[in-house]
Amino acid sequence: MSTLMPGGRPETPGSAPHWIKSSLSFSNGNCVEVASLPGGGIGVRDSKDAEGPVLRFTPDEWRAFIGGARNGEFDGLSQI
């Protein structure tokens, strides 16, 4: 019997992503988790829904996002 990873891909032994969330996240459950995915992508998911959908990014897309966050490009979004 094979299990499926989010997105319907088969899970092979040792291929399950190791999901992490920020040490700054609080216990209120409003968190996201990230993981390196098999094949080199980066996954982002809602920590409250581990079996739910996963947003997938290429390494270049992820680096662009992290760079923008570090530069404060998204700081105004919390004001919406």
C-alpha atoms as a PDB file:
ATOM      1  CA  MET A   1       0.000   0.000   0.000  1.00  0.00           C
ATOM      2  CA  SER A   2       1.424   3.397  -0.934  1.00  0.00           C
ATOM      3  CA  THR A   3       0.420   6.626   0.663  1.00  0.00           C
ATOM      4  CA  LEU A   4      -0.013   9.880  -1.172  1.00  0.00           C
ATOM      5  CA  MET A   5       1.665  13.143  -0.387  1.00  0.00           C
ATOM      6  CA  PRO A   6      -0.420  16.329  -0.663  1.00  0.00           C
ATOM      7  CA  GLY A   7      -1.096  16.846  -4.339  1.00  0.00           C
ATOM      8  CA  GLY A   8      -1.634  13.135  -4.986  1.00  0.00           C
ATOM      9  CA  ARG A   9       2.001  12.130  -5.564  1.00  0.00           C
ATOM     10  CA  PRO A  10       3.067   8.737  -4.211  1.00  0.00           C
ATOM     11  CA  GLU A  11       5.195   8.829  -1.099  1.00  0.00           C
ATOM     12  CA  THR A  12       8.294   6.667  -1.180  1.00  0.00           C
ATOM     13  CA  PRO A  13      10.267   5.674   1.902  1.00  0.00           C
ATOM     14  CA  GLY A  14      12.451   8.543   3.045  1.00  0.00           C
ATOM     15  CA  SER A  15      10.764  11.034   0.714  1.00  0.00           C
ATOM     16  CA  ALA A  16       8.338  12.606   3.175  1.00  0.00           C
ATOM     17  CA  PRO A  17       9.134  16.317   3.528  1.00  0.00           C
ATOM     18  CA  HIS A  18      10.277  17.615   6.896  1.00  0.00           C
ATOM     19  CA  TRP A  19       7.891  20.503   7.610  1.00  0.00           C
ATOM     20  CA  ILE A  20       9.105  23.378   9.773  1.00  0.00           C
ATOM     21  CA  LYS A  21       7.502  26.539  11.098  1.00  0.00           C
ATOM     22  CA  SER A  22       9.039  29.651  12.526  1.00  0.00           C
ATOM     23  CA  SER A  23      10.222  29.606  16.100  1.00  0.00           C
ATOM     24  CA  LEU A  24       8.434  32.962  16.344  1.00  0.00           C
ATOM     25  CA  SER A  25       5.027  31.418  15.644  1.00  0.00           C
ATOM     26  CA  PHE A  26       2.583  31.417  18.500  1.00  0.00           C
ATOM     27  CA  SER A  27       0.324  28.649  19.754  1.00  0.00           C
ATOM     28  CA  ASN A  28      -2.773  30.343  18.291  1.00  0.00           C
ATOM     29  CA  GLY A  29      -2.491  28.143  15.185  1.00  0.00           C
ATOM     30  CA  ASN A  30      -2.155  30.970  12.660  1.00  0.00           C
ATOM     31  CA  CYS A  31       1.005  29.552  11.150  1.00  0.00           C
ATOM     32  CA  VAL A  32       2.408  28.244   7.909  1.00  0.00           C
ATOM     33  CA  GLU A  33       4.997  25.526   7.515  1.00  0.00           C
ATOM     34  CA  VAL A  34       7.631  25.164   4.800  1.00  0.00           C
ATOM     35  CA  ALA A  35       9.552  22.165   3.497  1.00  0.00           C
ATOM     36  CA  SER A  36      11.959  21.157   0.787  1.00  0.00           C
ATOM     37  CA  LEU A  37      10.010  18.887  -1.539  1.00  0.00           C
ATOM     38  CA  PRO A  38      11.259  15.916  -3.525  1.00  0.00           C
ATOM     39  CA  GLY A  39      12.385  17.220  -6.891  1.00  0.00           C
ATOM     40  CA  GLY A  40      13.823  20.434  -5.498  1.00  0.00           C
ATOM     41  CA  GLY A  41      10.739  22.596  -4.939  1.00  0.00           C
ATOM     42  CA  ILE A  42       9.652  24.417  -1.802  1.00  0.00           C
ATOM     43  CA  GLY A  43       6.263  23.697  -0.239  1.00  0.00           C
ATOM     44  CA  VAL A  44       4.159  25.959   1.970  1.00  0.00           C
ATOM     45  CA  ARG A  45       1.081  24.745   3.852  1.00  0.00           C
ATOM     46  CA  ASP A  46      -1.285  25.761   6.644  1.00  0.00           C
ATOM     47  CA  SER A  47      -0.045  24.199   9.877  1.00  0.00           C
ATOM     48  CA  LYS A  48      -3.655  23.533  10.965  1.00  0.00           C
ATOM     49  CA  ASP A  49      -4.329  21.426   7.842  1.00  0.00           C
ATOM     50  CA  ALA A  50      -1.385  19.079   7.346  1.00  0.00           C
ATOM     51  CA  GLU A  51      -3.363  16.993   4.844  1.00  0.00           C
ATOM     52  CA  GLY A  52      -4.580  20.029   2.920  1.00  0.00           C
ATOM     53  CA  PRO A  53      -3.249  21.783  -0.154  1.00  0.00           C
ATOM     54  CA  VAL A  54       0.400  22.681  -0.554  1.00  0.00           C
ATOM     55  CA  LEU A  55       1.586  25.752  -2.427  1.00  0.00           C
ATOM     56  CA  ARG A  56       4.631  24.801  -4.475  1.00  0.00           C
ATOM     57  CA  PHE A  57       7.409  27.173  -5.492  1.00  0.00           C
ATOM     58  CA  THR A  58      10.603  26.806  -7.485  1.00  0.00           C
ATOM     59  CA  PRO A  59      13.807  27.612  -5.612  1.00  0.00           C
ATOM     60  CA  ASP A  60      14.095  30.881  -7.592  1.00  0.00           C
ATOM     61  CA  GLU A  61      10.535  31.900  -6.698  1.00  0.00           C
ATOM     62  CA  TRP A  62      11.176  31.116  -3.029  1.00  0.00           C
ATOM     63  CA  ARG A  63      14.419  33.128  -2.966  1.00  0.00           C
ATOM     64  CA  ALA A  64      12.606  36.084  -4.572  1.00  0.00           C
ATOM     65  CA  PHE A  65       9.859  35.910  -1.931  1.00  0.00           C
ATOM     66  CA  ILE A  66      12.302  35.637   0.991  1.00  0.00           C
ATOM     67  CA  GLY A  67      14.353  38.514  -0.427  1.00  0.00           C
ATOM     68  CA  GLY A  68      11.234  40.679  -0.678  1.00  0.00           C
ATOM     69  CA  ALA A  69      10.237  39.826   2.890  1.00  0.00           C
ATOM     70  CA  ARG A  70      13.702  40.706   4.158  1.00  0.00           C
ATOM     71  CA  ASN A  71      13.583  44.018   2.286  1.00  0.00           C
ATOM     72  CA  GLY A  72      10.201  44.940   3.789  1.00  0.00           C
ATOM     73  CA  GLU A  73       8.346  44.796   0.470  1.00  0.00           C
ATOM     74  CA  PHE A  74       5.303  43.184   2.116  1.00  0.00           C
ATOM     75  CA  ASP A  75       5.200  45.178   5.344  1.00  0.00           C
ATOM     76  CA  GLY A  76       2.249  47.290   4.155  1.00  0.00           C
ATOM     77  CA  LEU A  77       0.034  44.235   3.638  1.00  0.00           C
ATOM     78  CA  SER A  78      -0.716  44.005   7.356  1.00  0.00           C
ATOM     79  CA  GLN A  79      -2.404  47.402   7.085  1.00  0.00           C
ATOM     80  CA  ILE A  80      -5.063  46.113   4.659  1.00  0.00           C
END
